[in-house]
């Protein structure tokens, strides 16, 4: 599948581990969707976009990656790990933006 080749090439180009790419991609998607729909990070839609992208990515991995016989359980475990790894930081950003918005506001106070 083309998507798997793109991911493999991207990993080599940026010289980052897949876990790091999941985190960076998640924050990039959340930020981009927030800007495109002109809603703050406290709005659930940017977070939902990350969740949808992560689910589609993991579906593609589970569907098209070829694993040796008997490693299907490990594949599911790694997929769950990737999903959690991808969604944790966007969830933290959503919750902080929603329940502690003062952390994101510059009040102009010298400190």
N, C-alpha and C. Protein backbone atom coordinates (compact mmCIF):
# COMPACT_ATOMS: atom_id res chain seq x y z
N UNK A 1 0.85 -1.18 0.00
CA UNK A 1 0.00 0.00 0.00
C UNK A 1 0.89 1.24 0.00
N UNK A 2 0.46 2.25 -0.70
CA UNK A 2 1.23 3.49 -0.85
C UNK A 2 1.46 4.16 0.50
N UNK A 3 0.45 4.19 1.35
CA UNK A 3 0.56 4.87 2.64
C UNK A 3 1.70 4.28 3.49
N UNK A 4 1.83 2.96 3.48
CA UNK A 4 2.89 2.33 4.26
C UNK A 4 4.26 2.72 3.72
N UNK A 5 4.39 2.82 2.40
CA UNK A 5 5.66 3.26 1.79
C UNK A 5 5.97 4.71 2.14
N UNK A 6 4.96 5.56 2.12
CA UNK A 6 5.15 6.97 2.49
C UNK A 6 5.65 7.07 3.92
N UNK A 7 5.02 6.32 4.83
CA UNK A 7 5.43 6.35 6.24
C UNK A 7 6.87 5.87 6.41
N UNK A 8 7.23 4.82 5.71
CA UNK A 8 8.59 4.29 5.81
C UNK A 8 9.61 5.30 5.30
N UNK A 9 9.31 5.94 4.18
CA UNK A 9 10.22 6.94 3.63
C UNK A 9 10.31 8.17 4.54
N UNK A 10 9.18 8.59 5.08
CA UNK A 10 9.18 9.74 5.98
C UNK A 10 10.03 9.47 7.22
N UNK A 11 9.93 8.28 7.75
CA UNK A 11 10.74 7.90 8.91
C UNK A 11 12.23 8.02 8.61
N UNK A 12 12.62 7.59 7.42
CA UNK A 12 14.03 7.68 7.02
C UNK A 12 14.45 9.12 6.76
N UNK A 13 13.59 9.91 6.12
CA UNK A 13 13.93 11.29 5.76
C UNK A 13 14.15 12.14 7.01
N UNK A 14 13.24 12.05 7.97
CA UNK A 14 13.33 12.90 9.16
C UNK A 14 14.18 12.29 10.26
N UNK A 15 14.59 11.05 10.08
CA UNK A 15 15.46 10.36 11.04
C UNK A 15 14.89 10.36 12.45
N UNK A 16 13.59 10.06 12.53
CA UNK A 16 12.92 9.95 13.83
C UNK A 16 12.30 8.57 13.94
N UNK A 17 12.13 8.13 15.16
CA UNK A 17 11.44 6.88 15.41
C UNK A 17 9.95 7.05 15.12
N UNK A 18 9.30 5.94 14.86
CA UNK A 18 7.86 6.00 14.55
C UNK A 18 7.04 6.60 15.69
N UNK A 19 7.42 6.31 16.93
CA UNK A 19 6.69 6.86 18.07
C UNK A 19 6.72 8.39 18.05
N UNK A 20 7.89 8.95 17.77
CA UNK A 20 8.01 10.40 17.70
C UNK A 20 7.18 10.97 16.56
N UNK A 21 7.18 10.28 15.43
CA UNK A 21 6.37 10.74 14.30
C UNK A 21 4.88 10.75 14.62
N UNK A 22 4.44 9.75 15.38
CA UNK A 22 3.03 9.71 15.78
C UNK A 22 2.69 10.96 16.60
N UNK A 23 3.55 11.31 17.52
CA UNK A 23 3.30 12.47 18.38
C UNK A 23 3.32 13.76 17.58
N UNK A 24 4.35 13.94 16.75
CA UNK A 24 4.44 15.15 15.94
C UNK A 24 3.27 15.28 14.98
N UNK A 25 2.92 14.18 14.33
CA UNK A 25 1.79 14.21 13.38
C UNK A 25 0.50 14.57 14.10
N UNK A 26 0.31 14.03 15.29
CA UNK A 26 -0.91 14.30 16.05
C UNK A 26 -1.04 15.78 16.40
N UNK A 27 0.04 16.37 16.88
CA UNK A 27 -0.01 17.78 17.25
C UNK A 27 -0.17 18.65 16.00
N UNK A 28 0.49 18.27 14.92
CA UNK A 28 0.36 19.00 13.67
C UNK A 28 -1.08 18.94 13.14
N UNK A 29 -1.68 17.76 13.16
CA UNK A 29 -3.08 17.62 12.71
C UNK A 29 -4.01 18.44 13.59
N UNK A 30 -3.84 18.33 14.90
CA UNK A 30 -4.70 19.06 15.83
C UNK A 30 -4.58 20.57 15.60
N UNK A 31 -3.37 21.05 15.46
CA UNK A 31 -3.15 22.49 15.24
C UNK A 31 -3.71 22.93 13.89
N UNK A 32 -3.45 22.16 12.85
CA UNK A 32 -3.91 22.52 11.51
C UNK A 32 -5.44 22.55 11.43
N UNK A 33 -6.08 21.55 12.00
CA UNK A 33 -7.54 21.52 11.98
C UNK A 33 -8.10 22.68 12.80
N UNK A 34 -7.49 22.97 13.92
CA UNK A 34 -7.92 24.10 14.74
C UNK A 34 -7.86 25.41 13.94
N UNK A 35 -6.77 25.59 13.22
CA UNK A 35 -6.63 26.79 12.40
C UNK A 35 -7.62 26.80 11.23
N UNK A 36 -7.79 25.66 10.58
CA UNK A 36 -8.67 25.60 9.40
C UNK A 36 -10.13 25.85 9.76
N UNK A 37 -10.57 25.31 10.87
CA UNK A 37 -11.98 25.49 11.24
C UNK A 37 -12.19 26.71 12.14
N UNK A 38 -11.08 27.38 12.43
CA UNK A 38 -11.10 28.59 13.26
C UNK A 38 -11.79 28.37 14.60
N UNK A 39 -11.35 27.30 15.23
CA UNK A 39 -11.81 26.97 16.57
C UNK A 39 -10.60 26.76 17.45
N UNK A 40 -10.72 27.05 18.73
CA UNK A 40 -9.56 26.87 19.64
C UNK A 40 -9.30 25.39 19.90
N UNK A 41 -8.14 25.13 20.48
CA UNK A 41 -7.79 23.76 20.85
C UNK A 41 -8.75 23.18 21.89
N UNK A 42 -9.47 24.02 22.57
CA UNK A 42 -10.44 23.54 23.55
C UNK A 42 -11.69 22.96 22.88
N UNK A 43 -11.86 23.20 21.59
CA UNK A 43 -12.99 22.64 20.85
C UNK A 43 -12.68 21.16 20.54
N UNK A 44 -13.67 20.28 20.62
CA UNK A 44 -13.39 18.86 20.43
C UNK A 44 -13.07 18.44 18.99
N UNK A 45 -13.44 19.23 17.98
CA UNK A 45 -13.22 18.79 16.60
C UNK A 45 -11.75 18.58 16.23
N UNK A 46 -10.83 19.46 16.61
CA UNK A 46 -9.42 19.16 16.29
C UNK A 46 -8.94 17.86 16.93
N UNK A 47 -9.37 17.60 18.15
CA UNK A 47 -9.01 16.35 18.83
C UNK A 47 -9.62 15.15 18.11
N UNK A 48 -10.87 15.29 17.69
CA UNK A 48 -11.53 14.21 16.97
C UNK A 48 -10.86 13.93 15.63
N UNK A 49 -10.34 14.97 14.98
CA UNK A 49 -9.61 14.77 13.72
C UNK A 49 -8.36 13.93 13.96
N UNK A 50 -7.67 14.19 15.06
CA UNK A 50 -6.49 13.38 15.40
C UNK A 50 -6.90 11.94 15.65
N UNK A 51 -7.96 11.75 16.41
CA UNK A 51 -8.43 10.39 16.70
C UNK A 51 -8.80 9.67 15.41
N UNK A 52 -9.51 10.33 14.51
CA UNK A 52 -9.89 9.72 13.24
C UNK A 52 -8.66 9.36 12.41
N UNK A 53 -7.71 10.28 12.32
CA UNK A 53 -6.48 10.00 11.57
C UNK A 53 -5.72 8.83 12.17
N UNK A 54 -5.65 8.78 13.48
CA UNK A 54 -4.94 7.68 14.15
C UNK A 54 -5.64 6.35 13.91
N UNK A 55 -6.96 6.36 13.97
CA UNK A 55 -7.71 5.11 13.73
C UNK A 55 -7.55 4.63 12.29
N UNK A 56 -7.60 5.56 11.34
CA UNK A 56 -7.42 5.18 9.94
C UNK A 56 -6.01 4.65 9.71
N UNK A 57 -5.02 5.30 10.31
CA UNK A 57 -3.64 4.85 10.18
C UNK A 57 -3.46 3.44 10.75
N UNK A 58 -4.01 3.21 11.92
CA UNK A 58 -3.87 1.89 12.54
C UNK A 58 -4.65 0.83 11.78
N UNK A 59 -5.80 1.20 11.24
CA UNK A 59 -6.54 0.26 10.39
C UNK A 59 -5.68 -0.14 9.19
N UNK A 60 -5.03 0.85 8.55
CA UNK A 60 -4.16 0.55 7.41
C UNK A 60 -3.01 -0.36 7.83
N UNK A 61 -2.43 -0.08 8.98
CA UNK A 61 -1.33 -0.93 9.47
C UNK A 61 -1.81 -2.37 9.69
N UNK A 62 -2.95 -2.51 10.34
CA UNK A 62 -3.47 -3.85 10.63
C UNK A 62 -3.91 -4.58 9.37
N UNK A 63 -4.36 -3.83 8.40
CA UNK A 63 -4.89 -4.44 7.18
C UNK A 63 -3.79 -4.78 6.17
N UNK A 64 -2.81 -3.90 6.03
CA UNK A 64 -1.87 -4.03 4.92
C UNK A 64 -0.45 -4.41 5.30
N UNK A 65 -0.07 -4.23 6.57
CA UNK A 65 1.27 -4.66 6.97
C UNK A 65 1.33 -6.18 7.02
N UNK A 66 2.41 -6.72 6.52
CA UNK A 66 2.58 -8.17 6.52
C UNK A 66 3.44 -8.57 7.71
N UNK A 67 2.85 -9.35 8.59
CA UNK A 67 3.53 -9.84 9.79
C UNK A 67 3.72 -11.35 9.65
N UNK A 68 4.77 -11.87 10.27
CA UNK A 68 4.96 -13.34 10.24
C UNK A 68 3.79 -14.05 10.93
N UNK A 69 3.56 -15.27 10.51
CA UNK A 69 2.52 -16.10 11.15
C UNK A 69 2.73 -16.13 12.66
N UNK A 70 1.67 -16.03 13.40
CA UNK A 70 1.75 -16.12 14.85
C UNK A 70 2.04 -14.80 15.55
N UNK A 71 2.31 -13.73 14.80
CA UNK A 71 2.61 -12.43 15.41
C UNK A 71 1.41 -11.49 15.40
N UNK A 72 0.23 -12.01 15.10
CA UNK A 72 -0.96 -11.15 15.02
C UNK A 72 -1.25 -10.48 16.36
N UNK A 73 -1.06 -11.20 17.47
CA UNK A 73 -1.29 -10.59 18.79
C UNK A 73 -0.33 -9.44 19.03
N UNK A 74 0.93 -9.63 18.65
CA UNK A 74 1.91 -8.56 18.80
C UNK A 74 1.55 -7.37 17.92
N UNK A 75 1.02 -7.64 16.73
CA UNK A 75 0.62 -6.56 15.84
C UNK A 75 -0.51 -5.73 16.47
N UNK A 76 -1.49 -6.40 17.08
CA UNK A 76 -2.58 -5.68 17.75
C UNK A 76 -2.04 -4.88 18.94
N UNK A 77 -1.11 -5.46 19.69
CA UNK A 77 -0.52 -4.76 20.83
C UNK A 77 0.22 -3.51 20.38
N UNK A 78 1.00 -3.62 19.31
CA UNK A 78 1.73 -2.46 18.81
C UNK A 78 0.78 -1.41 18.25
N UNK A 79 -0.29 -1.84 17.64
CA UNK A 79 -1.27 -0.91 17.11
C UNK A 79 -1.94 -0.13 18.25
N UNK A 80 -2.29 -0.83 19.32
CA UNK A 80 -2.87 -0.16 20.49
C UNK A 80 -1.88 0.82 21.10
N UNK A 81 -0.61 0.41 21.17
CA UNK A 81 0.44 1.29 21.67
C UNK A 81 0.53 2.55 20.83
N UNK A 82 0.52 2.39 19.51
CA UNK A 82 0.59 3.54 18.60
C UNK A 82 -0.61 4.47 18.78
N UNK A 83 -1.78 3.89 18.93
CA UNK A 83 -2.99 4.69 19.10
C UNK A 83 -2.93 5.52 20.38
N UNK A 84 -2.55 4.90 21.47
CA UNK A 84 -2.42 5.62 22.74
C UNK A 84 -1.34 6.68 22.64
N UNK A 85 -0.19 6.32 22.08
CA UNK A 85 0.93 7.24 21.94
C UNK A 85 0.53 8.47 21.11
N UNK A 86 -0.29 8.25 20.10
CA UNK A 86 -0.70 9.33 19.22
C UNK A 86 -1.69 10.27 19.89
N UNK A 87 -2.57 9.77 20.70
CA UNK A 87 -3.68 10.58 21.21
C UNK A 87 -3.41 11.23 22.56
N UNK A 88 -2.36 10.81 23.26
CA UNK A 88 -2.11 11.34 24.61
C UNK A 88 -1.85 12.85 24.61
N UNK A 89 -0.90 13.34 23.84
CA UNK A 89 -0.58 14.77 23.86
C UNK A 89 -1.75 15.62 23.36
N UNK A 90 -2.43 15.27 22.27
CA UNK A 90 -3.60 16.05 21.89
C UNK A 90 -4.69 16.06 22.97
N UNK A 91 -4.81 14.97 23.72
CA UNK A 91 -5.78 14.94 24.81
C UNK A 91 -5.37 15.91 25.92
N UNK A 92 -4.09 15.91 26.25
CA UNK A 92 -3.58 16.84 27.26
C UNK A 92 -3.81 18.29 26.81
N UNK A 93 -3.51 18.58 25.55
CA UNK A 93 -3.72 19.94 25.03
C UNK A 93 -5.19 20.32 25.07
N UNK A 94 -6.07 19.41 24.67
CA UNK A 94 -7.50 19.68 24.72
C UNK A 94 -7.95 19.99 26.14
N UNK A 95 -7.56 19.16 27.09
CA UNK A 95 -7.99 19.34 28.48
C UNK A 95 -7.41 20.61 29.10
N UNK A 96 -6.14 20.89 28.82
CA UNK A 96 -5.55 22.12 29.35
C UNK A 96 -6.20 23.36 28.74
N UNK A 97 -6.42 23.33 27.44
CA UNK A 97 -7.04 24.48 26.78
C UNK A 97 -8.46 24.69 27.28
N UNK A 98 -9.12 23.61 27.60
CA UNK A 98 -10.52 23.70 28.04
C UNK A 98 -10.63 24.08 29.52
N UNK A 99 -9.80 23.47 30.37
CA UNK A 99 -9.97 23.65 31.81
C UNK A 99 -8.91 24.52 32.48
N UNK A 100 -7.87 24.88 31.76
CA UNK A 100 -6.85 25.79 32.29
C UNK A 100 -6.40 26.74 31.18
N UNK A 101 -7.33 27.48 30.59
CA UNK A 101 -7.00 28.33 29.45
C UNK A 101 -6.00 29.44 29.78
N UNK A 102 -5.88 29.78 31.03
CA UNK A 102 -4.93 30.83 31.42
C UNK A 102 -3.49 30.44 31.08
N UNK A 103 -3.22 29.16 30.96
CA UNK A 103 -1.88 28.71 30.59
C UNK A 103 -1.51 29.12 29.17
N UNK A 104 -2.51 29.41 28.34
CA UNK A 104 -2.29 29.74 26.94
C UNK A 104 -2.41 31.23 26.64
N UNK A 105 -2.64 32.03 27.67
CA UNK A 105 -2.87 33.46 27.46
C UNK A 105 -1.72 34.26 28.04
N UNK A 106 -1.23 35.18 27.23
CA UNK A 106 -0.19 36.11 27.70
C UNK A 106 -0.90 37.32 28.28
N UNK A 107 -0.75 37.51 29.55
CA UNK A 107 -1.40 38.63 30.21
C UNK A 107 -0.54 39.87 30.23
N UNK A 108 0.63 39.78 29.62
CA UNK A 108 1.51 40.94 29.54
C UNK A 108 2.23 41.27 30.83
N UNK A 109 2.18 40.35 31.76
CA UNK A 109 2.85 40.59 33.04
C UNK A 109 4.31 40.20 32.94
N UNK A 110 5.17 41.06 33.39
CA UNK A 110 6.60 40.72 33.44
C UNK A 110 6.83 39.85 34.67
N UNK A 111 7.64 38.85 34.48
CA UNK A 111 7.79 38.01 35.64
C UNK A 111 9.08 37.40 35.69
